[in-house]
Amino acid sequence: AAITVSSLVYFDAEELPPFMLEKLPLPNEALWTGALKVHVCAAAFALPACLLLLSRALLKRAPRFHRWLGRINGGVTLFALVPSGFYLSVFAKGGLPSTLGFMVSGTIIMFAMTRAIAAARSRDLATHQRFVLHVVAQMAVAVISRAMLFAADFAGLDADRAYVAALWIPVLGCAAVVELISPRRHHGPLARPLVARV
């Protein structure tokens, strides 16, 4: 919520936020601005939707809503969030290491969302959960990265190195954590509640 509120300045036509000023000159300012707005709107919907979709209570009480929200969120993620993120990553602060970090995260989201959708359609609940968690974890990278950058700034660390580290550590760390906590096979009802595993 805090990141979304702080991003509202991107929609003010009369103000150029510092985030944008540091990237000037851009080869196509209108395209970059449009991609940024699409990315912000998609992220503001997709991450809360993913968190809601993790609710076992929602799945039990409103399975049809769960399915439709999942379909909508899959579309927003695959056709708005990831493509706009790929484009924005080309102009990321920190140069090539940052661009690659964002692209790796986006690729994980795209691959995991595709696998999660396929698994849901084939009723493979364990695989569905595993890849949904990968999607959520990579979306959470933005939040974790912001927190790490705040801590690095408070500690007086080098800003450029801190930016790259605050990107790659959550990207790889979140992927590793999901692999550690995810089940590989489904044996009837889930052995442990999802929240307990998280």
Protein backbone atom coordinates (compact mmCIF):
# COMPACT_ATOMS: atom_id res chain seq x y z
CA ALA A 1 0.00 0.00 0.00
CA ALA A 2 2.83 2.39 0.85
CA ILE A 3 4.58 1.70 -2.46
CA THR A 4 1.32 2.24 -4.37
CA VAL A 5 0.65 5.54 -2.61
CA SER A 6 4.19 6.74 -3.27
CA SER A 7 3.73 5.82 -6.95
CA LEU A 8 0.71 8.07 -7.45
CA VAL A 9 3.05 10.91 -8.41
CA TYR A 10 3.75 9.05 -11.66
CA PHE A 11 0.20 9.91 -12.77
CA ASP A 12 0.62 13.66 -12.15
CA ALA A 13 1.07 15.23 -15.58
CA GLU A 14 2.50 18.42 -14.07
CA GLU A 15 5.31 16.82 -12.06
CA LEU A 16 8.34 14.74 -12.99
CA PRO A 17 9.27 12.43 -10.10
CA PRO A 18 12.96 11.97 -9.18
CA PHE A 19 12.70 8.32 -10.27
CA MET A 20 12.04 9.51 -13.80
CA LEU A 21 14.43 12.46 -13.79
CA GLU A 22 17.42 10.22 -13.07
CA LYS A 23 16.66 8.22 -16.23
CA LEU A 24 16.55 11.17 -18.63
CA PRO A 25 17.18 11.40 -21.50
CA LEU A 26 14.99 8.51 -22.65
CA PRO A 27 14.73 7.37 -26.27
CA ASN A 28 10.92 7.41 -26.03
CA GLU A 29 9.71 9.23 -22.95
CA ALA A 30 6.02 8.67 -23.70
CA LEU A 31 6.49 4.91 -24.10
CA TRP A 32 8.53 4.66 -20.90
CA THR A 33 5.94 6.67 -18.96
CA GLY A 34 3.13 4.53 -20.34
CA ALA A 35 4.96 1.32 -19.41
CA LEU A 36 5.58 2.66 -15.91
CA LYS A 37 1.90 3.48 -15.40
CA VAL A 38 0.83 0.06 -16.68
CA HIS A 39 3.38 -1.62 -14.39
CA VAL A 40 2.28 0.34 -11.31
CA CYS A 41 -1.43 -0.37 -11.92
CA ALA A 42 -0.79 -4.06 -12.65
CA ALA A 43 1.37 -4.49 -9.54
CA ALA A 44 -1.15 -2.66 -7.34
CA PHE A 45 -3.74 -5.24 -8.42
CA ALA A 46 -1.65 -8.39 -8.82
CA LEU A 47 0.14 -8.62 -5.47
CA PRO A 48 -2.97 -8.08 -3.28
CA ALA A 49 -4.89 -10.47 -5.55
CA CYS A 50 -2.19 -13.12 -5.12
CA LEU A 51 -2.32 -12.72 -1.34
CA LEU A 52 -6.11 -13.08 -1.42
CA LEU A 53 -5.82 -16.17 -3.58
CA LEU A 54 -3.60 -17.80 -0.93
CA SER A 55 -6.57 -17.82 1.46
CA ARG A 56 -7.81 -21.36 2.07
CA ALA A 57 -10.97 -19.91 3.60
CA LEU A 58 -11.74 -18.07 0.35
CA LEU A 59 -11.10 -21.22 -1.67
CA LYS A 60 -13.50 -23.25 0.50
CA ARG A 61 -16.27 -20.65 0.75
CA ALA A 62 -16.08 -19.14 -2.74
CA PRO A 63 -14.26 -21.52 -5.13
CA ARG A 64 -15.81 -19.88 -8.19
CA PHE A 65 -14.57 -16.44 -7.08
CA HIS A 66 -11.14 -17.96 -6.44
CA ARG A 67 -11.03 -19.37 -9.97
CA TRP A 68 -12.16 -16.17 -11.66
CA LEU A 69 -9.85 -13.97 -9.60
CA GLY A 70 -7.02 -16.34 -10.47
CA ARG A 71 -7.82 -16.11 -14.17
CA ILE A 72 -8.00 -12.32 -14.11
CA ASN A 73 -4.80 -12.09 -12.09
CA GLY A 74 -3.04 -14.47 -14.46
CA GLY A 75 -4.01 -12.26 -17.40
CA VAL A 76 -2.93 -9.04 -15.66
CA THR A 77 0.37 -10.62 -14.67
CA LEU A 78 1.24 -12.20 -18.03
CA PHE A 79 -0.02 -9.45 -20.32
CA ALA A 80 0.58 -6.26 -18.32
CA LEU A 81 2.90 -6.66 -15.33
CA VAL A 82 5.63 -8.80 -16.89
CA PRO A 83 5.86 -7.13 -20.35
CA SER A 84 5.94 -3.62 -18.88
CA GLY A 85 8.52 -4.77 -16.34
CA PHE A 86 10.74 -6.19 -19.07
CA TYR A 87 10.66 -2.89 -20.94
CA LEU A 88 11.36 -0.82 -17.82
CA SER A 89 14.24 -3.10 -16.83
CA VAL A 90 16.21 -1.97 -19.88
CA PHE A 91 16.50 1.46 -18.25
CA ALA A 92 17.03 0.24 -14.69
CA LYS A 93 19.35 2.05 -12.33
CA GLY A 94 22.60 0.14 -11.89
CA GLY A 95 23.05 -0.80 -15.55
CA LEU A 96 23.31 -4.35 -16.87
CA PRO A 97 23.40 -6.15 -13.46
CA SER A 98 20.10 -4.52 -12.49
CA THR A 99 18.54 -5.11 -15.91
CA LEU A 100 19.43 -8.81 -15.69
CA GLY A 101 18.10 -9.03 -12.13
CA PHE A 102 14.73 -7.59 -13.10
CA MET A 103 14.57 -9.81 -16.18
CA VAL A 104 15.34 -12.93 -14.13
CA SER A 105 12.57 -12.01 -11.68
CA GLY A 106 10.15 -11.32 -14.53
CA THR A 107 11.03 -14.59 -16.22
CA ILE A 108 10.42 -16.52 -13.00
CA ILE A 109 7.01 -14.82 -12.64
CA MET A 110 6.07 -15.55 -16.26
CA PHE A 111 7.20 -19.18 -16.12
CA ALA A 112 5.68 -19.80 -12.67
CA MET A 113 2.33 -18.20 -13.54
CA THR A 114 2.11 -20.27 -16.72
CA ARG A 115 2.88 -23.46 -14.79
CA ALA A 116 0.44 -22.51 -12.02
CA ILE A 117 -2.37 -22.02 -14.54
CA ALA A 118 -1.60 -25.33 -16.28
CA ALA A 119 -1.47 -27.16 -12.95
CA ALA A 120 -4.79 -25.67 -11.84
CA ARG A 121 -6.43 -26.79 -15.07
CA SER A 122 -5.12 -30.32 -14.57
CA ARG A 123 -6.11 -30.32 -10.85
CA ASP A 124 -2.51 -30.79 -9.71
CA LEU A 125 -2.89 -28.80 -6.50
CA ALA A 126 0.62 -29.30 -5.14
CA THR A 127 2.25 -28.03 -8.34
CA HIS A 128 -0.27 -25.19 -8.52
CA GLN A 129 0.61 -24.08 -4.99
CA ARG A 130 4.32 -24.35 -5.61
CA PHE A 131 4.28 -22.07 -8.64
CA VAL A 132 1.77 -19.64 -7.17
CA LEU A 133 4.17 -19.20 -4.27
CA HIS A 134 6.95 -18.45 -6.74
CA VAL A 135 4.78 -15.73 -8.31
CA VAL A 136 3.97 -14.20 -4.94
CA ALA A 137 7.58 -14.39 -3.80
CA GLN A 138 8.90 -12.59 -6.87
CA MET A 139 6.21 -9.93 -6.59
CA ALA A 140 7.27 -9.47 -2.98
CA VAL A 141 10.81 -8.71 -4.17
CA ALA A 142 9.76 -5.09 -4.74
CA VAL A 143 8.71 -4.76 -1.10
CA ILE A 144 11.77 -6.55 0.31
CA SER A 145 14.09 -4.58 -1.95
CA ARG A 146 12.64 -1.27 -0.76
CA ALA A 147 13.16 -2.31 2.84
CA MET A 148 16.77 -3.33 2.13
CA LEU A 149 17.48 -0.04 0.35
CA PHE A 150 16.08 1.89 3.31
CA ALA A 151 18.35 -0.09 5.67
CA ALA A 152 21.36 0.40 3.38
CA ASP A 153 20.76 4.14 3.22
CA PHE A 154 20.45 4.29 7.00
CA ALA A 155 23.74 2.36 7.31
CA GLY A 156 25.47 4.71 4.85
CA LEU A 157 26.36 1.98 2.33
CA ASP A 158 27.35 2.72 -1.27
CA ALA A 159 24.07 3.46 -3.08
CA ASP A 160 24.90 1.81 -6.41
CA ARG A 161 26.16 -1.44 -4.91
CA ALA A 162 23.31 -1.51 -2.42
CA TYR A 163 20.79 -1.16 -5.26
CA VAL A 164 22.13 -4.20 -7.11
CA ALA A 165 22.45 -6.26 -3.92
CA ALA A 166 18.93 -5.29 -2.79
CA LEU A 167 17.64 -6.65 -6.08
CA TRP A 168 19.57 -9.88 -6.55
CA ILE A 169 19.45 -11.09 -2.92
CA PRO A 170 15.62 -11.08 -2.74
CA VAL A 171 15.20 -12.47 -6.28
CA LEU A 172 17.42 -15.49 -5.61
CA GLY A 173 16.53 -15.77 -1.92
CA CYS A 174 12.78 -15.80 -2.50
CA ALA A 175 13.11 -18.43 -5.23
CA ALA A 176 15.22 -20.61 -2.93
CA VAL A 177 12.81 -20.27 0.01
CA VAL A 178 9.82 -21.29 -2.12
CA GLU A 179 11.66 -24.36 -3.36
CA LEU A 180 12.49 -25.31 0.23
CA ILE A 181 8.94 -25.00 1.58
CA SER A 182 6.97 -26.31 -1.40
CA PRO A 183 5.71 -29.88 -1.59
CA ARG A 184 6.61 -31.87 -4.68
CA ARG A 185 3.68 -34.29 -4.68
CA HIS A 186 0.09 -34.12 -3.66
CA HIS A 187 -1.13 -36.89 -1.34
CA GLY A 188 -4.83 -36.19 -0.89
CA PRO A 189 -5.65 -33.22 1.37
CA LEU A 190 -2.73 -30.90 1.94
CA ALA A 191 -0.64 -32.19 4.80
CA ARG A 192 0.03 -28.78 6.31
CA PRO A 193 -1.87 -25.50 6.02
CA LEU A 194 -0.41 -23.16 3.42
CA VAL A 195 0.01 -20.37 5.95
CA ALA A 196 2.07 -22.67 8.19
CA ARG A 197 4.45 -23.43 5.34
CA VAL A 198 4.81 -19.74 4.48
